[in-house]
Amino acid sequence: MKKSFAANNKGQFVIEAVLLMIVMVGIFIGSMNALRDSKFLSKIVTGPWERVAGMMESGVWVAAKDAQKQHPNQRDRSVSFNPSM
């Protein structure tokens, strides 16, 4: 009595699908660990945020630590009693 090849192929398909899922999950976990270790997302967010924070705090488009030095109120100013000078 001959067995149907379709029945055998269904079982092989399930096994191959499970193995492919295991490989894909392994690749996903490995790539997520690599991205987490390289702090990729934090570099994307903090790089531009430093300049935005400088603009919000001091009104200049530089990093926040340098922006405090460039704030208009931090410049050396001399008081003049004659406003036309």
PDB file of N, CA and C in Angstrom:
ATOM      1  N   MET A   1       0.846  -1.167   0.000  1.00  0.00           N
ATOM      2  CA  MET A   1       0.000   0.000   0.000  1.00  0.00           C
ATOM      3  C   MET A   1       0.901   1.242   0.000  1.00  0.00           C
ATOM      4  N   LYS A   2       0.594   2.163  -0.891  1.00  0.00           N
ATOM      5  CA  LYS A   2       1.378   3.385  -1.006  1.00  0.00           C
ATOM      6  C   LYS A   2       0.814   4.472  -0.099  1.00  0.00           C
ATOM      7  N   LYS A   3       1.745   5.194   0.532  1.00  0.00           N
ATOM      8  CA  LYS A   3       1.313   6.332   1.334  1.00  0.00           C
ATOM      9  C   LYS A   3       1.319   7.573   0.455  1.00  0.00           C
ATOM     10  N   SER A   4       0.481   8.477   0.783  1.00  0.00           N
ATOM     11  CA  SER A   4       0.395   9.723   0.026  1.00  0.00           C
ATOM     12  C   SER A   4       1.584  10.619   0.379  1.00  0.00           C
ATOM     13  N   PHE A   5       2.176  11.189  -0.652  1.00  0.00           N
ATOM     14  CA  PHE A   5       3.283  12.115  -0.404  1.00  0.00           C
ATOM     15  C   PHE A   5       2.783  13.410   0.221  1.00  0.00           C
ATOM     16  N   ALA A   6       1.540  13.766   0.014  1.00  0.00           N
ATOM     17  CA  ALA A   6       0.979  14.993   0.576  1.00  0.00           C
ATOM     18  C   ALA A   6       0.990  14.934   2.105  1.00  0.00           C
ATOM     19  N   ALA A   7       0.706  13.794   2.666  1.00  0.00           N
ATOM     20  CA  ALA A   7       0.695  13.662   4.131  1.00  0.00           C
ATOM     21  C   ALA A   7       2.106  13.840   4.675  1.00  0.00           C
ATOM     22  N   ASN A   8       3.095  13.301   4.003  1.00  0.00           N
ATOM     23  CA  ASN A   8       4.474  13.456   4.447  1.00  0.00           C
ATOM     24  C   ASN A   8       4.956  14.894   4.290  1.00  0.00           C
ATOM     25  N   ASN A   9       4.542  15.545   3.215  1.00  0.00           N
ATOM     26  CA  ASN A   9       4.967  16.927   2.986  1.00  0.00           C
ATOM     27  C   ASN A   9       4.368  17.876   4.006  1.00  0.00           C
ATOM     28  N   LYS A  10       3.183  17.600   4.497  1.00  0.00           N
ATOM     29  CA  LYS A  10       2.573  18.468   5.509  1.00  0.00           C
ATOM     30  C   LYS A  10       3.409  18.456   6.785  1.00  0.00           C
ATOM     31  N   GLY A  11       3.847  17.300   7.193  1.00  0.00           N
ATOM     32  CA  GLY A  11       4.671  17.200   8.395  1.00  0.00           C
ATOM     33  C   GLY A  11       6.020  17.870   8.203  1.00  0.00           C
ATOM     34  N   GLN A  12       6.595  17.711   7.032  1.00  0.00           N
ATOM     35  CA  GLN A  12       7.879  18.359   6.744  1.00  0.00           C
ATOM     36  C   GLN A  12       7.717  19.869   6.716  1.00  0.00           C
ATOM     37  N   PHE A  13       6.610  20.342   6.176  1.00  0.00           N
ATOM     38  CA  PHE A  13       6.358  21.787   6.137  1.00  0.00           C
ATOM     39  C   PHE A  13       6.278  22.369   7.546  1.00  0.00           C
ATOM     40  N   VAL A  14       5.596  21.667   8.438  1.00  0.00           N
ATOM     41  CA  VAL A  14       5.461  22.149   9.820  1.00  0.00           C
ATOM     42  C   VAL A  14       6.831  22.204  10.496  1.00  0.00           C
ATOM     43  N   ILE A  15       7.626  21.175  10.314  1.00  0.00           N
ATOM     44  CA  ILE A  15       8.961  21.149  10.925  1.00  0.00           C
ATOM     45  C   ILE A  15       9.834  22.273  10.372  1.00  0.00           C
ATOM     46  N   GLU A  16       9.807  22.475   9.048  1.00  0.00           N
ATOM     47  CA  GLU A  16      10.598  23.557   8.451  1.00  0.00           C
ATOM     48  C   GLU A  16      10.107  24.922   8.896  1.00  0.00           C
ATOM     49  N   ALA A  17       8.792  25.093   9.036  1.00  0.00           N
ATOM     50  CA  ALA A  17       8.240  26.369   9.492  1.00  0.00           C
ATOM     51  C   ALA A  17       8.695  26.667  10.925  1.00  0.00           C
ATOM     52  N   VAL A  18       8.673  25.655  11.777  1.00  0.00           N
ATOM     53  CA  VAL A  18       9.114  25.841  13.168  1.00  0.00           C
ATOM     54  C   VAL A  18      10.600  26.187  13.207  1.00  0.00           C
ATOM     55  N   LEU A  19      11.404  25.495  12.409  1.00  0.00           N
ATOM     56  CA  LEU A  19      12.838  25.796  12.386  1.00  0.00           C
ATOM     57  C   LEU A  19      13.106  27.210  11.868  1.00  0.00           C
ATOM     58  N   LEU A  20      12.382  27.626  10.841  1.00  0.00           N
ATOM     59  CA  LEU A  20      12.544  28.999  10.332  1.00  0.00           C
ATOM     60  C   LEU A  20      12.139  30.035  11.388  1.00  0.00           C
ATOM     61  N   MET A  21      11.066  29.746  12.127  1.00  0.00           N
ATOM     62  CA  MET A  21      10.655  30.679  13.179  1.00  0.00           C
ATOM     63  C   MET A  21      11.718  30.773  14.270  1.00  0.00           C
ATOM     64  N   ILE A  22      12.315  29.643  14.618  1.00  0.00           N
ATOM     65  CA  ILE A  22      13.366  29.652  15.647  1.00  0.00           C
ATOM     66  C   ILE A  22      14.562  30.468  15.168  1.00  0.00           C
ATOM     67  N   VAL A  23      14.936  30.302  13.905  1.00  0.00           N
ATOM     68  CA  VAL A  23      16.060  31.068  13.352  1.00  0.00           C
ATOM     69  C   VAL A  23      15.729  32.555  13.329  1.00  0.00           C
ATOM     70  N   MET A  24      14.527  32.914  12.904  1.00  0.00           N
ATOM     71  CA  MET A  24      14.137  34.334  12.834  1.00  0.00           C
ATOM     72  C   MET A  24      14.087  34.966  14.228  1.00  0.00           C
ATOM     73  N   VAL A  25      13.565  34.247  15.205  1.00  0.00           N
ATOM     74  CA  VAL A  25      13.528  34.775  16.574  1.00  0.00           C
ATOM     75  C   VAL A  25      14.950  34.950  17.103  1.00  0.00           C
ATOM     76  N   GLY A  26      15.830  34.007  16.789  1.00  0.00           N
ATOM     77  CA  GLY A  26      17.228  34.127  17.210  1.00  0.00           C
ATOM     78  C   GLY A  26      17.909  35.337  16.592  1.00  0.00           C
ATOM     79  N   ILE A  27      17.669  35.561  15.295  1.00  0.00           N
ATOM     80  CA  ILE A  27      18.237  36.741  14.627  1.00  0.00           C
ATOM     81  C   ILE A  27      17.675  38.023  15.230  1.00  0.00           C
ATOM     82  N   PHE A  28      16.379  38.041  15.502  1.00  0.00           N
ATOM     83  CA  PHE A  28      15.735  39.221  16.090  1.00  0.00           C
ATOM     84  C   PHE A  28      16.312  39.526  17.471  1.00  0.00           C
ATOM     85  N   ILE A  29      16.435  38.499  18.302  1.00  0.00           N
ATOM     86  CA  ILE A  29      16.972  38.704  19.655  1.00  0.00           C
ATOM     87  C   ILE A  29      18.426  39.161  19.589  1.00  0.00           C
ATOM     88  N   GLY A  30      19.206  38.554  18.693  1.00  0.00           N
ATOM     89  CA  GLY A  30      20.602  38.964  18.546  1.00  0.00           C
ATOM     90  C   GLY A  30      20.742  40.400  18.081  1.00  0.00           C
ATOM     91  N   SER A  31      19.909  40.793  17.118  1.00  0.00           N
ATOM     92  CA  SER A  31      19.993  42.177  16.635  1.00  0.00           C
ATOM     93  C   SER A  31      19.522  43.166  17.693  1.00  0.00           C
ATOM     94  N   MET A  32      18.506  42.808  18.461  1.00  0.00           N
ATOM     95  CA  MET A  32      18.043  43.708  19.527  1.00  0.00           C
ATOM     96  C   MET A  32      19.113  43.858  20.608  1.00  0.00           C
ATOM     97  N   ASN A  33      19.790  42.780  20.948  1.00  0.00           N
ATOM     98  CA  ASN A  33      20.872  42.865  21.935  1.00  0.00           C
ATOM     99  C   ASN A  33      22.022  43.724  21.412  1.00  0.00           C
ATOM    100  N   ALA A  34      22.340  43.581  20.119  1.00  0.00           N
ATOM    101  CA  ALA A  34      23.414  44.387  19.544  1.00  0.00           C
ATOM    102  C   ALA A  34      23.039  45.865  19.539  1.00  0.00           C
ATOM    103  N   LEU A  35      21.793  46.178  19.197  1.00  0.00           N
ATOM    104  CA  LEU A  35      21.349  47.577  19.213  1.00  0.00           C
ATOM    105  C   LEU A  35      21.322  48.129  20.632  1.00  0.00           C
ATOM    106  N   ARG A  36      20.923  47.316  21.580  1.00  0.00           N
ATOM    107  CA  ARG A  36      20.875  47.768  22.974  1.00  0.00           C
ATOM    108  C   ARG A  36      22.283  48.027  23.500  1.00  0.00           C
ATOM    109  N   ASP A  37      23.227  47.158  23.156  1.00  0.00           N
ATOM    110  CA  ASP A  37      24.602  47.328  23.620  1.00  0.00           C
ATOM    111  C   ASP A  37      25.277  48.534  22.994  1.00  0.00           C
ATOM    112  N   SER A  38      24.932  48.849  21.742  1.00  0.00           N
ATOM    113  CA  SER A  38      25.545  50.003  21.085  1.00  0.00           C
ATOM    114  C   SER A  38      24.831  51.310  21.439  1.00  0.00           C
ATOM    115  N   LYS A  39      23.740  51.206  22.184  1.00  0.00           N
ATOM    116  CA  LYS A  39      22.934  52.368  22.580  1.00  0.00           C
ATOM    117  C   LYS A  39      22.547  53.209  21.365  1.00  0.00           C
ATOM    118  N   PHE A  40      22.121  52.523  20.326  1.00  0.00           N
ATOM    119  CA  PHE A  40      21.770  53.153  19.061  1.00  0.00           C
ATOM    120  C   PHE A  40      20.608  54.126  19.227  1.00  0.00           C
ATOM    121  N   LEU A  41      19.533  53.704  19.893  1.00  0.00           N
ATOM    122  CA  LEU A  41      18.360  54.557  20.040  1.00  0.00           C
ATOM    123  C   LEU A  41      18.654  55.772  20.912  1.00  0.00           C
ATOM    124  N   SER A  42      19.428  55.594  21.960  1.00  0.00           N
ATOM    125  CA  SER A  42      19.722  56.737  22.826  1.00  0.00           C
ATOM    126  C   SER A  42      20.574  57.773  22.100  1.00  0.00           C
ATOM    127  N   LYS A  43      21.458  57.329  21.195  1.00  0.00           N
ATOM    128  CA  LYS A  43      22.254  58.283  20.412  1.00  0.00           C
ATOM    129  C   LYS A  43      21.379  59.062  19.443  1.00  0.00           C
ATOM    130  N   ILE A  44      20.371  58.406  18.885  1.00  0.00           N
ATOM    131  CA  ILE A  44      19.466  59.086  17.957  1.00  0.00           C
ATOM    132  C   ILE A  44      18.673  60.166  18.682  1.00  0.00           C
ATOM    133  N   VAL A  45      18.263  59.880  19.912  1.00  0.00           N
ATOM    134  CA  VAL A  45      17.420  60.822  20.649  1.00  0.00           C
ATOM    135  C   VAL A  45      18.241  61.920  21.305  1.00  0.00           C
ATOM    136  N   THR A  46      19.330  61.578  21.980  1.00  0.00           N
ATOM    137  CA  THR A  46      20.063  62.584  22.754  1.00  0.00           C
ATOM    138  C   THR A  46      20.879  63.524  21.886  1.00  0.00           C
ATOM    139  N   GLY A  47      21.340  63.088  20.728  1.00  0.00           N
ATOM    140  CA  GLY A  47      22.135  63.976  19.871  1.00  0.00           C
ATOM    141  C   GLY A  47      21.371  65.243  19.493  1.00  0.00           C
ATOM    142  N   PRO A  48      20.240  65.112  18.826  1.00  0.00           N
ATOM    143  CA  PRO A  48      19.467  66.310  18.484  1.00  0.00           C
ATOM    144  C   PRO A  48      18.863  66.986  19.708  1.00  0.00           C
ATOM    145  N   TRP A  49      18.549  66.228  20.744  1.00  0.00           N
ATOM    146  CA  TRP A  49      17.894  66.823  21.906  1.00  0.00           C
ATOM    147  C   TRP A  49      18.799  67.819  22.608  1.00  0.00           C
ATOM    148  N   GLU A  50      20.099  67.614  22.597  1.00  0.00           N
ATOM    149  CA  GLU A  50      21.004  68.562  23.245  1.00  0.00           C
ATOM    150  C   GLU A  50      20.896  69.936  22.603  1.00  0.00           C
ATOM    151  N   ARG A  51      20.787  69.980  21.278  1.00  0.00           N
ATOM    152  CA  ARG A  51      20.660  71.271  20.601  1.00  0.00           C
ATOM    153  C   ARG A  51      19.294  71.903  20.871  1.00  0.00           C
ATOM    154  N   VAL A  52      18.243  71.086  20.896  1.00  0.00           N
ATOM    155  CA  VAL A  52      16.905  71.609  21.183  1.00  0.00           C
ATOM    156  C   VAL A  52      16.858  72.144  22.613  1.00  0.00           C
ATOM    157  N   ALA A  53      17.488  71.435  23.540  1.00  0.00           N
ATOM    158  CA  ALA A  53      17.518  71.903  24.929  1.00  0.00           C
ATOM    159  C   ALA A  53      18.268  73.228  25.032  1.00  0.00           C
ATOM    160  N   GLY A  54      19.342  73.378  24.257  1.00  0.00           N
ATOM    161  CA  GLY A  54      20.063  74.654  24.256  1.00  0.00           C
ATOM    162  C   GLY A  54      19.198  75.788  23.741  1.00  0.00           C
ATOM    163  N   MET A  55      18.377  75.517  22.729  1.00  0.00           N
ATOM    164  CA  MET A  55      17.481  76.547  22.201  1.00  0.00           C
ATOM    165  C   MET A  55      16.395  76.890  23.220  1.00  0.00           C
ATOM    166  N   MET A  56      15.871  75.878  23.901  1.00  0.00           N
ATOM    167  CA  MET A  56      14.819  76.145  24.885  1.00  0.00           C
ATOM    168  C   MET A  56      15.359  76.901  26.097  1.00  0.00           C
ATOM    169  N   GLU A  57      16.547  76.548  26.528  1.00  0.00           N
ATOM    170  CA  GLU A  57      17.092  77.163  27.732  1.00  0.00           C
ATOM    171  C   GLU A  57      17.697  78.532  27.479  1.00  0.00           C
ATOM    172  N   SER A  58      18.389  78.684  26.341  1.00  0.00           N
ATOM    173  CA  SER A  58      19.173  79.899  26.163  1.00  0.00           C
ATOM    174  C   SER A  58      18.911  80.647  24.866  1.00  0.00           C
ATOM    175  N   GLY A  59      18.143  80.077  23.979  1.00  0.00           N
ATOM    176  CA  GLY A  59      17.807  80.781  22.754  1.00  0.00           C
ATOM    177  C   GLY A  59      18.859  80.693  21.659  1.00  0.00           C
ATOM    178  N   VAL A  60      19.760  79.736  21.735  1.00  0.00           N
ATOM    179  CA  VAL A  60      20.761  79.537  20.686  1.00  0.00           C
ATOM    180  C   VAL A  60      20.808  78.061  20.330  1.00  0.00           C
ATOM    181  N   TRP A  61      21.079  77.759  19.043  1.00  0.00           N
ATOM    182  CA  TRP A  61      21.079  76.386  18.558  1.00  0.00           C
ATOM    183  C   TRP A  61      22.442  75.726  18.759  1.00  0.00           C
ATOM    184  N   VAL A  62      22.843  75.550  19.984  1.00  0.00           N
ATOM    185  CA  VAL A  62      24.051  74.800  20.315  1.00  0.00           C
ATOM    186  C   VAL A  62      23.698  73.871  21.474  1.00  0.00           C
ATOM    187  N   ALA A  63      24.627  73.007  21.849  1.00  0.00           N
ATOM    188  CA  ALA A  63      24.388  72.087  22.962  1.00  0.00           C
ATOM    189  C   ALA A  63      24.093  72.875  24.231  1.00  0.00           C
ATOM    190  N   ALA A  64      23.313  72.272  25.103  1.00  0.00           N
ATOM    191  CA  ALA A  64      22.854  72.969  26.306  1.00  0.00           C
ATOM    192  C   ALA A  64      24.011  73.430  27.184  1.00  0.00           C
ATOM    193  N   LYS A  65      25.078  72.630  27.277  1.00  0.00           N
ATOM    194  CA  LYS A  65      26.192  73.028  28.136  1.00  0.00           C
ATOM    195  C   LYS A  65      26.917  74.255  27.577  1.00  0.00           C
ATOM    196  N   ASP A  66      26.967  74.404  26.241  1.00  0.00           N
ATOM    197  CA  ASP A  66      27.600  75.571  25.625  1.00  0.00           C
ATOM    198  C   ASP A  66      26.631  76.734  25.482  1.00  0.00           C
ATOM    199  N   ALA A  67      25.349  76.439  25.487  1.00  0.00           N
ATOM    200  CA  ALA A  67      24.346  77.481  25.286  1.00  0.00           C
ATOM    201  C   ALA A  67      24.287  78.444  26.456  1.00  0.00           C
ATOM    202  N   GLN A  68      24.565  77.958  27.647  1.00  0.00           N
ATOM    203  CA  GLN A  68      24.502  78.835  28.814  1.00  0.00           C
ATOM    204  C   GLN A  68      25.545  79.940  28.718  1.00  0.00           C
ATOM    205  N   LYS A  69      26.676  79.657  28.071  1.00  0.00           N
ATOM    206  CA  LYS A  69      27.709  80.675  27.910  1.00  0.00           C
ATOM    207  C   LYS A  69      27.314  81.708  26.860  1.00  0.00           C
ATOM    208  N   GLN A  70      26.455  81.327  25.912  1.00  0.00           N
ATOM    209  CA  GLN A  70      26.082  82.220  24.826  1.00  0.00           C
ATOM    210  C   GLN A  70      24.741  82.912  25.054  1.00  0.00           C
ATOM    211  N   HIS A  71      24.137  82.716  26.204  1.00  0.00           N
ATOM    212  CA  HIS A  71      22.864  83.365  26.506  1.00  0.00           C
ATOM    213  C   HIS A  71      23.068  84.879  26.521  1.00  0.00           C
ATOM    214  N   PRO A  72      22.138  85.629  25.976  1.00  0.00           N
ATOM    215  CA  PRO A  72      22.310  87.091  25.913  1.00  0.00           C
ATOM    216  C   PRO A  72      22.539  87.753  27.271  1.00  0.00           C
ATOM    217  N   ASN A  73      21.970  87.219  28.322  1.00  0.00           N
ATOM    218  CA  ASN A  73      22.150  87.824  29.644  1.00  0.00           C
ATOM    219  C   ASN A  73      23.502  87.505  30.259  1.00  0.00           C
ATOM    220  N   GLN A  74      24.254  86.601  29.672  1.00  0.00           N
ATOM    221  CA  GLN A  74      25.550  86.228  30.213  1.00  0.00           C
ATOM    222  C   GLN A  74      26.700  87.035  29.616  1.00  0.00           C
ATOM    223  N   ARG A  75      26.415  87.816  28.605  1.00  0.00           N
ATOM    224  CA  ARG A  75      27.476  88.605  27.983  1.00  0.00           C
ATOM    225  C   ARG A  75      27.894  89.739  28.907  1.00  0.00           C
ATOM    226  N   ASP A  76      29.117  90.142  28.786  1.00  0.00           N
ATOM    227  CA  ASP A  76      29.577  91.287  29.561  1.00  0.00           C
ATOM    228  C   ASP A  76      28.918  92.541  29.002  1.00  0.00           C
ATOM    229  N   ARG A  77      28.251  93.252  29.870  1.00  0.00           N
ATOM    230  CA  ARG A  77      27.559  94.466  29.435  1.00  0.00           C
ATOM    231  C   ARG A  77      27.971  95.605  30.361  1.00  0.00           C
ATOM    232  N   SER A  78      28.043  96.735  29.778  1.00  0.00           N
ATOM    233  CA  SER A  78      28.313  97.900  30.604  1.00  0.00           C
ATOM    234  C   SER A  78      27.039  98.728  30.691  1.00  0.00           C
ATOM    235  N   VAL A  79      26.828  99.291  31.819  1.00  0.00           N
ATOM    236  CA  VAL A  79      25.627 100.078  32.037  1.00  0.00           C
ATOM    237  C   VAL A  79      25.866 101.475  31.490  1.00  0.00           C
ATOM    238  N   SER A  80      24.928 101.934  30.702  1.00  0.00           N
ATOM    239  CA  SER A  80      25.024 103.286  30.140  1.00  0.00           C
ATOM    240  C   SER A  80      23.824 104.088  30.613  1.00  0.00           C
ATOM    241  N   PHE A  81      24.113 105.275  31.162  1.00  0.00           N
ATOM    242  CA  PHE A  81      23.029 106.114  31.591  1.00  0.00           C
ATOM    243  C   PHE A  81      22.506 106.964  30.449  1.00  0.00           C
ATOM    244  N   ASN A  82      23.250 106.992  29.356  1.00  0.00           N
ATOM    245  CA  ASN A  82      22.830 107.717  28.174  1.00  0.00           C
ATOM    246  C   ASN A  82      22.393 106.695  27.127  1.00  0.00           C
ATOM    247  N   PRO A  83      21.072 106.507  26.882  1.00  0.00           N
ATOM    248  CA  PRO A  83      20.615 105.446  25.994  1.00  0.00           C
ATOM    249  C   PRO A  83      20.980 105.676  24.534  1.00  0.00           C
ATOM    250  N   SER A  84      21.378 106.886  24.144  1.00  0.00           N
ATOM    251  CA  SER A  84      21.696 107.130  22.739  1.00  0.00           C
ATOM    252  C   SER A  84      23.089 106.609  22.393  1.00  0.00           C
ATOM    253  N   MET A  85      23.892 106.261  23.357  1.00  0.00           N
ATOM    254  CA  MET A  85      25.252 105.791  23.079  1.00  0.00           C
ATOM    255  C   MET A  85      25.247 104.357  22.697  1.00  0.00           C
TER     256      MET A  85
END
